[in-house]
Amino acid sequence: MVHTASFYEDLHYEEGNKPAVKVMIKTDLAKEIRILFRKNQEMKEHKAPYTIIVQVLEGIIDFGTDGQRYLLNKGMMIVLPAHQIHDLIAQEESMVRLSLNLQDHTSKVEGV
């Protein structure tokens, strides 16, 4: 079966401290998730049980891991191994694509 989705349609940003998290596509191997941040919204320190890939589709994200900070601009990506603690802070309104292993639970992302 073929699936399509657009990261740029039906954009709904959350008010308050938590970003908006939406599963866009789920395959046999992975989940592709869109995270919408308003300026200064953040995801506090957390980790994933599998390797993750984070890509900034719009905006600027201050990404912290392993004692370092990375300023990720539109188009940039970062890959983290399993169990690596990290956090994200939006420097401006931003859209992030998160690629998760299928066995990882989206509820972990939503709860951060």
PDB file of N, CA and C in Angstrom:
ATOM      1  N   MET A   1       0.831  -1.175   0.000  1.00  0.00           N
ATOM      2  CA  MET A   1       0.000   0.000   0.000  1.00  0.00           C
ATOM      3  C   MET A   1       0.882   1.246   0.000  1.00  0.00           C
ATOM      4  N   VAL A   2       0.488   2.240  -0.761  1.00  0.00           N
ATOM      5  CA  VAL A   2       1.218   3.501  -0.868  1.00  0.00           C
ATOM      6  C   VAL A   2       0.574   4.521   0.073  1.00  0.00           C
ATOM      7  N   HIS A   3       1.416   5.252   0.803  1.00  0.00           N
ATOM      8  CA  HIS A   3       0.935   6.300   1.708  1.00  0.00           C
ATOM      9  C   HIS A   3       1.561   7.622   1.304  1.00  0.00           C
ATOM     10  N   THR A   4       0.810   8.699   1.416  1.00  0.00           N
ATOM     11  CA  THR A   4       1.362  10.037   1.206  1.00  0.00           C
ATOM     12  C   THR A   4       0.999  10.924   2.394  1.00  0.00           C
ATOM     13  N   ALA A   5       1.822  11.915   2.630  1.00  0.00           N
ATOM     14  CA  ALA A   5       1.567  12.893   3.681  1.00  0.00           C
ATOM     15  C   ALA A   5       2.375  14.139   3.374  1.00  0.00           C
ATOM     16  N   SER A   6       1.893  15.275   3.847  1.00  0.00           N
ATOM     17  CA  SER A   6       2.619  16.529   3.681  1.00  0.00           C
ATOM     18  C   SER A   6       2.907  17.138   5.047  1.00  0.00           C
ATOM     19  N   PHE A   7       4.165  17.412   5.291  1.00  0.00           N
ATOM     20  CA  PHE A   7       4.552  18.064   6.541  1.00  0.00           C
ATOM     21  C   PHE A   7       4.039  19.501   6.592  1.00  0.00           C
ATOM     22  N   TYR A   8       3.681  20.070   5.429  1.00  0.00           N
ATOM     23  CA  TYR A   8       3.333  21.483   5.343  1.00  0.00           C
ATOM     24  C   TYR A   8       1.827  21.743   5.302  1.00  0.00           C
ATOM     25  N   GLU A   9       0.996  20.727   5.481  1.00  0.00           N
ATOM     26  CA  GLU A   9      -0.451  20.902   5.499  1.00  0.00           C
ATOM     27  C   GLU A   9      -0.982  20.715   6.917  1.00  0.00           C
ATOM     28  N   ASP A  10      -2.112  21.351   7.196  1.00  0.00           N
ATOM     29  CA  ASP A  10      -2.796  21.226   8.493  1.00  0.00           C
ATOM     30  C   ASP A  10      -1.860  21.521   9.670  1.00  0.00           C
ATOM     31  N   LEU A  11      -1.228  22.660   9.624  1.00  0.00           N
ATOM     32  CA  LEU A  11      -0.300  23.050  10.687  1.00  0.00           C
ATOM     33  C   LEU A  11      -1.076  23.609  11.872  1.00  0.00           C
ATOM     34  N   HIS A  12      -0.934  22.965  13.019  1.00  0.00           N
ATOM     35  CA  HIS A  12      -1.605  23.394  14.245  1.00  0.00           C
ATOM     36  C   HIS A  12      -0.564  23.472  15.360  1.00  0.00           C
ATOM     37  N   TYR A  13      -0.170  24.694  15.695  1.00  0.00           N
ATOM     38  CA  TYR A  13       0.805  24.918  16.758  1.00  0.00           C
ATOM     39  C   TYR A  13       0.080  24.959  18.094  1.00  0.00           C
ATOM     40  N   GLU A  14       0.679  24.369  19.118  1.00  0.00           N
ATOM     41  CA  GLU A  14       0.091  24.357  20.461  1.00  0.00           C
ATOM     42  C   GLU A  14       0.475  25.629  21.205  1.00  0.00           C
ATOM     43  N   GLU A  15      -0.417  26.062  22.075  1.00  0.00           N
ATOM     44  CA  GLU A  15      -0.108  27.177  22.975  1.00  0.00           C
ATOM     45  C   GLU A  15       0.581  26.596  24.211  1.00  0.00           C
ATOM     46  N   GLY A  16       1.197  27.438  25.012  1.00  0.00           N
ATOM     47  CA  GLY A  16       1.830  26.961  26.233  1.00  0.00           C
ATOM     48  C   GLY A  16       3.216  26.409  25.980  1.00  0.00           C
ATOM     49  N   ASN A  17       3.623  25.463  26.823  1.00  0.00           N
ATOM     50  CA  ASN A  17       5.006  24.985  26.820  1.00  0.00           C
ATOM     51  C   ASN A  17       5.291  23.826  25.870  1.00  0.00           C
ATOM     52  N   LYS A  18       4.270  23.071  25.493  1.00  0.00           N
ATOM     53  CA  LYS A  18       4.527  21.841  24.737  1.00  0.00           C
ATOM     54  C   LYS A  18       4.345  22.045  23.233  1.00  0.00           C
ATOM     55  N   PRO A  19       5.273  21.510  22.437  1.00  0.00           N
ATOM     56  CA  PRO A  19       5.115  21.567  20.986  1.00  0.00           C
ATOM     57  C   PRO A  19       4.026  20.594  20.522  1.00  0.00           C
ATOM     58  N   ALA A  20       3.567  20.778  19.284  1.00  0.00           N
ATOM     59  CA  ALA A  20       2.545  19.911  18.684  1.00  0.00           C
ATOM     60  C   ALA A  20       3.225  18.735  17.998  1.00  0.00           C
ATOM     61  N   VAL A  21       2.833  17.519  18.353  1.00  0.00           N
ATOM     62  CA  VAL A  21       3.448  16.293  17.829  1.00  0.00           C
ATOM     63  C   VAL A  21       2.412  15.514  17.029  1.00  0.00           C
ATOM     64  N   LYS A  22       2.771  15.120  15.794  1.00  0.00           N
ATOM     65  CA  LYS A  22       1.842  14.365  14.951  1.00  0.00           C
ATOM     66  C   LYS A  22       2.599  13.306  14.157  1.00  0.00           C
ATOM     67  N   VAL A  23       2.127  12.047  14.207  1.00  0.00           N
ATOM     68  CA  VAL A  23       2.685  10.981  13.371  1.00  0.00           C
ATOM     69  C   VAL A  23       2.177  11.208  11.956  1.00  0.00           C
ATOM     70  N   MET A  24       3.094  11.345  11.013  1.00  0.00           N
ATOM     71  CA  MET A  24       2.725  11.619   9.623  1.00  0.00           C
ATOM     72  C   MET A  24       2.586  10.334   8.813  1.00  0.00           C
ATOM     73  N   ILE A  25       3.560   9.427   8.975  1.00  0.00           N
ATOM     74  CA  ILE A  25       3.544   8.150   8.257  1.00  0.00           C
ATOM     75  C   ILE A  25       4.170   7.090   9.149  1.00  0.00           C
ATOM     76  N   LYS A  26       3.595   5.915   9.099  1.00  0.00           N
ATOM     77  CA  LYS A  26       4.120   4.761   9.836  1.00  0.00           C
ATOM     78  C   LYS A  26       4.345   3.649   8.819  1.00  0.00           C
ATOM     79  N   THR A  27       5.558   3.093   8.812  1.00  0.00           N
ATOM     80  CA  THR A  27       5.893   2.006   7.891  1.00  0.00           C
ATOM     81  C   THR A  27       6.274   0.764   8.689  1.00  0.00           C
ATOM     82  N   ASP A  28       6.717  -0.252   7.996  1.00  0.00           N
ATOM     83  CA  ASP A  28       7.171  -1.473   8.664  1.00  0.00           C
ATOM     84  C   ASP A  28       8.450  -1.250   9.466  1.00  0.00           C
ATOM     85  N   LEU A  29       9.175  -0.189   9.143  1.00  0.00           N
ATOM     86  CA  LEU A  29      10.464   0.063   9.785  1.00  0.00           C
ATOM     87  C   LEU A  29      10.496   1.278  10.698  1.00  0.00           C
ATOM     88  N   ALA A  30       9.705   2.293  10.363  1.00  0.00           N
ATOM     89  CA  ALA A  30       9.868   3.561  11.076  1.00  0.00           C
ATOM     90  C   ALA A  30       8.576   4.350  11.149  1.00  0.00           C
ATOM     91  N   LYS A  31       8.625   5.397  12.002  1.00  0.00           N
ATOM     92  CA  LYS A  31       7.565   6.389  12.090  1.00  0.00           C
ATOM     93  C   LYS A  31       8.182   7.736  11.750  1.00  0.00           C
ATOM     94  N   GLU A  32       7.501   8.488  10.913  1.00  0.00           N
ATOM     95  CA  GLU A  32       7.927   9.844  10.583  1.00  0.00           C
ATOM     96  C   GLU A  32       6.989  10.789  11.308  1.00  0.00           C
ATOM     97  N   ILE A  33       7.552  11.639  12.154  1.00  0.00           N
ATOM     98  CA  ILE A  33       6.777  12.481  13.054  1.00  0.00           C
ATOM     99  C   ILE A  33       7.095  13.946  12.789  1.00  0.00           C
ATOM    100  N   ARG A  34       6.038  14.773  12.808  1.00  0.00           N
ATOM    101  CA  ARG A  34       6.217  16.222  12.686  1.00  0.00           C
ATOM    102  C   ARG A  34       6.053  16.837  14.073  1.00  0.00           C
ATOM    103  N   ILE A  35       6.993  17.704  14.437  1.00  0.00           N
ATOM    104  CA  ILE A  35       6.909  18.436  15.690  1.00  0.00           C
ATOM    105  C   ILE A  35       6.926  19.928  15.353  1.00  0.00           C
ATOM    106  N   LEU A  36       5.874  20.632  15.766  1.00  0.00           N
ATOM    107  CA  LEU A  36       5.761  22.067  15.521  1.00  0.00           C
ATOM    108  C   LEU A  36       6.023  22.817  16.817  1.00  0.00           C
ATOM    109  N   PHE A  37       6.983  23.712  16.762  1.00  0.00           N
ATOM    110  CA  PHE A  37       7.373  24.510  17.924  1.00  0.00           C
ATOM    111  C   PHE A  37       7.022  25.978  17.695  1.00  0.00           C
ATOM    112  N   ARG A  38       6.461  26.608  18.689  1.00  0.00           N
ATOM    113  CA  ARG A  38       6.409  28.066  18.715  1.00  0.00           C
ATOM    114  C   ARG A  38       7.747  28.539  19.308  1.00  0.00           C
ATOM    115  N   LYS A  39       8.079  29.791  19.094  1.00  0.00           N
ATOM    116  CA  LYS A  39       9.324  30.338  19.636  1.00  0.00           C
ATOM    117  C   LYS A  39       9.392  30.072  21.143  1.00  0.00           C
ATOM    118  N   ASN A  40      10.528  29.574  21.601  1.00  0.00           N
ATOM    119  CA  ASN A  40      10.855  29.283  22.998  1.00  0.00           C
ATOM    120  C   ASN A  40      10.203  28.018  23.561  1.00  0.00           C
ATOM    121  N   GLN A  41       9.367  27.317  22.786  1.00  0.00           N
ATOM    122  CA  GLN A  41       8.874  26.030  23.272  1.00  0.00           C
ATOM    123  C   GLN A  41      10.041  25.062  23.278  1.00  0.00           C
ATOM    124  N   GLU A  42       9.973  24.078  24.174  1.00  0.00           N
ATOM    125  CA  GLU A  42      11.094  23.158  24.291  1.00  0.00           C
ATOM    126  C   GLU A  42      10.633  21.743  24.591  1.00  0.00           C
ATOM    127  N   MET A  43      11.538  20.839  24.355  1.00  0.00           N
ATOM    128  CA  MET A  43      11.404  19.460  24.798  1.00  0.00           C
ATOM    129  C   MET A  43      12.553  19.255  25.767  1.00  0.00           C
ATOM    130  N   LYS A  44      12.222  19.015  27.019  1.00  0.00           N
ATOM    131  CA  LYS A  44      13.239  18.848  28.054  1.00  0.00           C
ATOM    132  C   LYS A  44      14.054  17.583  27.808  1.00  0.00           C
ATOM    133  N   GLU A  45      15.123  17.401  28.564  1.00  0.00           N
ATOM    134  CA  GLU A  45      16.008  16.252  28.380  1.00  0.00           C
ATOM    135  C   GLU A  45      15.229  14.939  28.378  1.00  0.00           C
ATOM    136  N   HIS A  46      15.533  14.126  27.395  1.00  0.00           N
ATOM    137  CA  HIS A  46      14.922  12.807  27.254  1.00  0.00           C
ATOM    138  C   HIS A  46      15.841  11.956  26.385  1.00  0.00           C
ATOM    139  N   LYS A  47      15.480  10.689  26.201  1.00  0.00           N
ATOM    140  CA  LYS A  47      16.262   9.799  25.347  1.00  0.00           C
ATOM    141  C   LYS A  47      15.323   8.823  24.660  1.00  0.00           C
ATOM    142  N   ALA A  48      15.818   8.190  23.616  1.00  0.00           N
ATOM    143  CA  ALA A  48      15.049   7.203  22.857  1.00  0.00           C
ATOM    144  C   ALA A  48      15.774   5.861  22.929  1.00  0.00           C
ATOM    145  N   PRO A  49      15.038   4.762  22.931  1.00  0.00           N
ATOM    146  CA  PRO A  49      15.664   3.447  23.038  1.00  0.00           C
ATOM    147  C   PRO A  49      16.336   2.966  21.743  1.00  0.00           C
ATOM    148  N   TYR A  50      16.134   3.719  20.651  1.00  0.00           N
ATOM    149  CA  TYR A  50      16.718   3.361  19.357  1.00  0.00           C
ATOM    150  C   TYR A  50      17.348   4.603  18.738  1.00  0.00           C
ATOM    151  N   THR A  51      18.124   4.432  17.699  1.00  0.00           N
ATOM    152  CA  THR A  51      18.694   5.551  16.954  1.00  0.00           C
ATOM    153  C   THR A  51      17.572   6.436  16.430  1.00  0.00           C
ATOM    154  N   ILE A  52      17.774   7.751  16.468  1.00  0.00           N
ATOM    155  CA  ILE A  52      16.808   8.695  15.910  1.00  0.00           C
ATOM    156  C   ILE A  52      17.508   9.623  14.928  1.00  0.00           C
ATOM    157  N   ILE A  53      16.708  10.191  14.031  1.00  0.00           N
ATOM    158  CA  ILE A  53      17.178  11.231  13.117  1.00  0.00           C
ATOM    159  C   ILE A  53      16.251  12.422  13.292  1.00  0.00           C
ATOM    160  N   VAL A  54      16.841  13.599  13.512  1.00  0.00           N
ATOM    161  CA  VAL A  54      16.089  14.838  13.671  1.00  0.00           C
ATOM    162  C   VAL A  54      16.497  15.768  12.537  1.00  0.00           C
ATOM    163  N   GLN A  55      15.498  16.294  11.811  1.00  0.00           N
ATOM    164  CA  GLN A  55      15.755  17.217  10.711  1.00  0.00           C
ATOM    165  C   GLN A  55      14.912  18.469  10.915  1.00  0.00           C
ATOM    166  N   VAL A  56      15.524  19.631  10.769  1.00  0.00           N
ATOM    167  CA  VAL A  56      14.799  20.892  10.863  1.00  0.00           C
ATOM    168  C   VAL A  56      14.271  21.238   9.471  1.00  0.00           C
ATOM    169  N   LEU A  57      12.937  21.303   9.345  1.00  0.00           N
ATOM    170  CA  LEU A  57      12.305  21.645   8.069  1.00  0.00           C
ATOM    171  C   LEU A  57      12.048  23.142   7.942  1.00  0.00           C
ATOM    172  N   GLU A  58      11.821  23.799   9.081  1.00  0.00           N
ATOM    173  CA  GLU A  58      11.619  25.245   9.124  1.00  0.00           C
ATOM    174  C   GLU A  58      12.159  25.747  10.454  1.00  0.00           C
ATOM    175  N   GLY A  59      12.689  26.966  10.460  1.00  0.00           N
ATOM    176  CA  GLY A  59      13.092  27.589  11.707  1.00  0.00           C
ATOM    177  C   GLY A  59      14.506  27.253  12.144  1.00  0.00           C
ATOM    178  N   ILE A  60      14.733  27.435  13.459  1.00  0.00           N
ATOM    179  CA  ILE A  60      16.043  27.202  14.067  1.00  0.00           C
ATOM    180  C   ILE A  60      15.825  26.517  15.413  1.00  0.00           C
ATOM    181  N   ILE A  61      16.532  25.426  15.640  1.00  0.00           N
ATOM    182  CA  ILE A  61      16.434  24.663  16.880  1.00  0.00           C
ATOM    183  C   ILE A  61      17.790  24.642  17.577  1.00  0.00           C
ATOM    184  N   ASP A  62      17.781  24.980  18.856  1.00  0.00           N
ATOM    185  CA  ASP A  62      18.954  24.838  19.709  1.00  0.00           C
ATOM    186  C   ASP A  62      18.878  23.418  20.278  1.00  0.00           C
ATOM    187  N   PHE A  63      19.785  22.560  19.841  1.00  0.00           N
ATOM    188  CA  PHE A  63      19.752  21.133  20.166  1.00  0.00           C
ATOM    189  C   PHE A  63      20.914  20.800  21.090  1.00  0.00           C
ATOM    190  N   GLY A  64      20.606  20.259  22.253  1.00  0.00           N
ATOM    191  CA  GLY A  64      21.652  19.926  23.211  1.00  0.00           C
ATOM    192  C   GLY A  64      21.804  18.431  23.392  1.00  0.00           C
ATOM    193  N   THR A  65      23.050  17.963  23.395  1.00  0.00           N
ATOM    194  CA  THR A  65      23.342  16.561  23.664  1.00  0.00           C
ATOM    195  C   THR A  65      24.805  16.410  24.036  1.00  0.00           C
ATOM    196  N   ASP A  66      25.073  15.491  24.924  1.00  0.00           N
ATOM    197  CA  ASP A  66      26.443  15.129  25.286  1.00  0.00           C
ATOM    198  C   ASP A  66      27.276  16.339  25.701  1.00  0.00           C
ATOM    199  N   GLY A  67      26.641  17.276  26.422  1.00  0.00           N
ATOM    200  CA  GLY A  67      27.355  18.448  26.914  1.00  0.00           C
ATOM    201  C   GLY A  67      27.634  19.518  25.880  1.00  0.00           C
ATOM    202  N   GLN A  68      27.080  19.383  24.670  1.00  0.00           N
ATOM    203  CA  GLN A  68      27.293  20.368  23.613  1.00  0.00           C
ATOM    204  C   GLN A  68      25.958  20.898  23.119  1.00  0.00           C
ATOM    205  N   ARG A  69      25.985  22.109  22.541  1.00  0.00           N
ATOM    206  CA  ARG A  69      24.802  22.719  21.940  1.00  0.00           C
ATOM    207  C   ARG A  69      25.059  22.847  20.445  1.00  0.00           C
ATOM    208  N   TYR A  70      24.044  22.550  19.652  1.00  0.00           N
ATOM    209  CA  TYR A  70      24.116  22.659  18.196  1.00  0.00           C
ATOM    210  C   TYR A  70      22.978  23.551  17.739  1.00  0.00           C
ATOM    211  N   LEU A  71      23.279  24.573  16.959  1.00  0.00           N
ATOM    212  CA  LEU A  71      22.251  25.419  16.389  1.00  0.00           C
ATOM    213  C   LEU A  71      21.900  24.835  15.022  1.00  0.00           C
ATOM    214  N   LEU A  72      20.741  24.193  14.948  1.00  0.00           N
ATOM    215  CA  LEU A  72      20.312  23.527  13.716  1.00  0.00           C
ATOM    216  C   LEU A  72      19.374  24.441  12.939  1.00  0.00           C
ATOM    217  N   ASN A  73      19.806  24.848  11.752  1.00  0.00           N
ATOM    218  CA  ASN A  73      19.011  25.702  10.878  1.00  0.00           C
ATOM    219  C   ASN A  73      18.221  24.852   9.895  1.00  0.00           C
ATOM    220  N   LYS A  74      17.306  25.490   9.186  1.00  0.00           N
ATOM    221  CA  LYS A  74      16.486  24.832   8.179  1.00  0.00           C
ATOM    222  C   LYS A  74      17.352  23.968   7.263  1.00  0.00           C
ATOM    223  N   GLY A  75      16.946  22.699   7.130  1.00  0.00           N
ATOM    224  CA  GLY A  75      17.654  21.767   6.259  1.00  0.00           C
ATOM    225  C   GLY A  75      18.695  20.911   6.956  1.00  0.00           C
ATOM    226  N   MET A  76      19.081  21.292   8.164  1.00  0.00           N
ATOM    227  CA  MET A  76      20.104  20.529   8.883  1.00  0.00           C
ATOM    228  C   MET A  76      19.499  19.306   9.570  1.00  0.00           C
ATOM    229  N   MET A  77      20.341  18.288   9.759  1.00  0.00           N
ATOM    230  CA  MET A  77      19.931  17.046  10.415  1.00  0.00           C
ATOM    231  C   MET A  77      20.958  16.664  11.466  1.00  0.00           C
ATOM    232  N   ILE A  78      20.503  15.860  12.430  1.00  0.00           N
ATOM    233  CA  ILE A  78      21.399  15.289  13.420  1.00  0.00           C
ATOM    234  C   ILE A  78      20.922  13.863  13.694  1.00  0.00           C
ATOM    235  N   VAL A  79      21.877  12.959  13.864  1.00  0.00           N
ATOM    236  CA  VAL A  79      21.573  11.561  14.174  1.00  0.00           C
ATOM    237  C   VAL A  79      22.112  11.262  15.567  1.00  0.00           C
ATOM    238  N   LEU A  80      21.275  10.634  16.388  1.00  0.00           N
ATOM    239  CA  LEU A  80      21.691  10.259  17.734  1.00  0.00           C
ATOM    240  C   LEU A  80      21.577   8.756  17.920  1.00  0.00           C
ATOM    241  N   PRO A  81      22.559   8.171  18.579  1.00  0.00           N
ATOM    242  CA  PRO A  81      22.459   6.740  18.883  1.00  0.00           C
ATOM    243  C   PRO A  81      21.418   6.495  19.979  1.00  0.00           C
ATOM    244  N   ALA A  82      21.039   5.266  20.141  1.00  0.00           N
ATOM    245  CA  ALA A  82      20.082   4.880  21.180  1.00  0.00           C
ATOM    246  C   ALA A  82      20.554   5.354  22.551  1.00  0.00           C
ATOM    247  N   HIS A  83      19.619   5.772  23.363  1.00  0.00           N
ATOM    248  CA  HIS A  83      19.822   6.135  24.767  1.00  0.00           C
ATOM    249  C   HIS A  83      20.633   7.415  24.983  1.00  0.00           C
ATOM    250  N   GLN A  84      20.857   8.219  23.944  1.00  0.00           N
ATOM    251  CA  GLN A  84      21.599   9.474  24.127  1.00  0.00           C
ATOM    252  C   GLN A  84      20.639  10.574  24.588  1.00  0.00           C
ATOM    253  N   ILE A  85      20.928  11.148  25.730  1.00  0.00           N
ATOM    254  CA  ILE A  85      20.082  12.204  26.282  1.00  0.00           C
ATOM    255  C   ILE A  85      20.231  13.473  25.445  1.00  0.00           C
ATOM    256  N   HIS A  86      19.081  14.125  25.184  1.00  0.00           N
ATOM    257  CA  HIS A  86      19.090  15.335  24.371  1.00  0.00           C
ATOM    258  C   HIS A  86      17.901  16.220  24.745  1.00  0.00           C
ATOM    259  N   ASP A  87      17.970  17.494  24.328  1.00  0.00           N
ATOM    260  CA  ASP A  87      16.868  18.436  24.510  1.00  0.00           C
ATOM    261  C   ASP A  87      16.819  19.370  23.319  1.00  0.00           C
ATOM    262  N   LEU A  88      15.669  20.012  23.123  1.00  0.00           N
ATOM    263  CA  LEU A  88      15.472  20.927  22.006  1.00  0.00           C
ATOM    264  C   LEU A  88      14.793  22.190  22.510  1.00  0.00           C
ATOM    265  N   ILE A  89      15.231  23.350  21.982  1.00  0.00           N
ATOM    266  CA  ILE A  89      14.595  24.629  22.284  1.00  0.00           C
ATOM    267  C   ILE A  89      14.453  25.389  20.963  1.00  0.00           C
ATOM    268  N   ALA A  90      13.228  25.811  20.643  1.00  0.00           N
ATOM    269  CA  ALA A  90      12.986  26.545  19.395  1.00  0.00           C
ATOM    270  C   ALA A  90      13.436  27.993  19.545  1.00  0.00           C
ATOM    271  N   GLN A  91      14.300  28.435  18.667  1.00  0.00           N
ATOM    272  CA  GLN A  91      14.758  29.820  18.664  1.00  0.00           C
ATOM    273  C   GLN A  91      13.767  30.726  17.942  1.00  0.00           C
ATOM    274  N   GLU A  92      12.920  30.127  17.125  1.00  0.00           N
ATOM    275  CA  GLU A  92      11.842  30.801  16.419  1.00  0.00           C
ATOM    276  C   GLU A  92      10.812  29.737  16.075  1.00  0.00           C
ATOM    277  N   GLU A  93       9.664  30.136  15.528  1.00  0.00           N
ATOM    278  CA  GLU A  93       8.676  29.140  15.131  1.00  0.00           C
ATOM    279  C   GLU A  93       9.367  28.139  14.206  1.00  0.00           C
ATOM    280  N   SER A  94       9.233  26.842  14.517  1.00  0.00           N
ATOM    281  CA  SER A  94      10.021  25.818  13.817  1.00  0.00           C
ATOM    282  C   SER A  94       9.208  24.552  13.568  1.00  0.00           C
ATOM    283  N   MET A  95       9.635  23.817  12.540  1.00  0.00           N
ATOM    284  CA  MET A  95       9.058  22.515  12.211  1.00  0.00           C
ATOM    285  C   MET A  95      10.191  21.497  12.150  1.00  0.00           C
ATOM    286  N   VAL A  96      10.022  20.381  12.874  1.00  0.00           N
ATOM    287  CA  VAL A  96      11.047  19.343  12.952  1.00  0.00           C
ATOM    288  C   VAL A  96      10.455  18.020  12.476  1.00  0.00           C
ATOM    289  N   ARG A  97      11.257  17.297  11.720  1.00  0.00           N
ATOM    290  CA  ARG A  97      10.914  15.926  11.326  1.00  0.00           C
ATOM    291  C   ARG A  97      11.728  14.996  12.202  1.00  0.00           C
ATOM    292  N   LEU A  98      11.043  14.084  12.872  1.00  0.00           N
ATOM    293  CA  LEU A  98      11.682  13.094  13.728  1.00  0.00           C
ATOM    294  C   LEU A  98      11.432  11.723  13.135  1.00  0.00           C
ATOM    295  N   SER A  99      12.497  10.987  12.857  1.00  0.00           N
ATOM    296  CA  SER A  99      12.388   9.615  12.356  1.00  0.00           C
ATOM    297  C   SER A  99      12.697   8.666  13.498  1.00  0.00           C
ATOM    298  N   LEU A 100      11.696   7.855  13.853  1.00  0.00           N
ATOM    299  CA  LEU A 100      11.807   6.907  14.960  1.00  0.00           C
ATOM    300  C   LEU A 100      11.723   5.483  14.463  1.00  0.00           C
ATOM    301  N   ASN A 101      12.407   4.590  15.131  1.00  0.00           N
ATOM    302  CA  ASN A 101      12.248   3.159  14.896  1.00  0.00           C
ATOM    303  C   ASN A 101      10.801   2.784  15.183  1.00  0.00           C
ATOM    304  N   LEU A 102      10.250   1.877  14.429  1.00  0.00           N
ATOM    305  CA  LEU A 102       8.852   1.470  14.599  1.00  0.00           C
ATOM    306  C   LEU A 102       8.560   1.002  16.015  1.00  0.00           C
ATOM    307  N   GLN A 103       9.537   0.377  16.668  1.00  0.00           N
ATOM    308  CA  GLN A 103       9.294  -0.152  18.004  1.00  0.00           C
ATOM    309  C   GLN A 103       9.324   0.920  19.095  1.00  0.00           C
ATOM    310  N   ASP A 104       9.777   2.118  18.747  1.00  0.00           N
ATOM    311  CA  ASP A 104       9.767   3.209  19.718  1.00  0.00           C
ATOM    312  C   ASP A 104       8.348   3.742  19.837  1.00  0.00           C
ATOM    313  N   HIS A 105       7.998   4.288  20.996  1.00  0.00           N
ATOM    314  CA  HIS A 105       6.643   4.750  21.239  1.00  0.00           C
ATOM    315  C   HIS A 105       6.524   6.258  21.110  1.00  0.00           C
ATOM    316  N   THR A 106       5.577   6.700  20.304  1.00  0.00           N
ATOM    317  CA  THR A 106       5.339   8.128  20.101  1.00  0.00           C
ATOM    318  C   THR A 106       4.952   8.813  21.394  1.00  0.00           C
ATOM    319  N   SER A 107       4.314   8.103  22.302  1.00  0.00           N
ATOM    320  CA  SER A 107       3.879   8.700  23.565  1.00  0.00           C
ATOM    321  C   SER A 107       5.062   9.283  24.345  1.00  0.00           C
ATOM    322  N   LYS A 108       6.249   8.703  24.156  1.00  0.00           N
ATOM    323  CA  LYS A 108       7.441   9.246  24.820  1.00  0.00           C
ATOM    324  C   LYS A 108       7.750  10.646  24.325  1.00  0.00           C
ATOM    325  N   VAL A 109       7.570  10.868  23.020  1.00  0.00           N
ATOM    326  CA  VAL A 109       7.828  12.181  22.431  1.00  0.00           C
ATOM    327  C   VAL A 109       6.779  13.171  22.921  1.00  0.00           C
ATOM    328  N   GLU A 110       5.522  12.771  22.910  1.00  0.00           N
ATOM    329  CA  GLU A 110       4.437  13.658  23.311  1.00  0.00           C
ATOM    330  C   GLU A 110       4.533  14.027  24.785  1.00  0.00           C
ATOM    331  N   GLY A 111       5.106  13.154  25.601  1.00  0.00           N
ATOM    332  CA  GLY A 111       5.182  13.394  27.030  1.00  0.00           C
ATOM    333  C   GLY A 111       6.345  14.239  27.489  1.00  0.00           C
ATOM    334  N   VAL A 112       7.232  14.608  26.590  1.00  0.00           N
ATOM    335  CA  VAL A 112       8.427  15.368  26.966  1.00  0.00           C
ATOM    336  C   VAL A 112       8.104  16.845  27.061  1.00  0.00           C
TER     337      VAL A 112
END
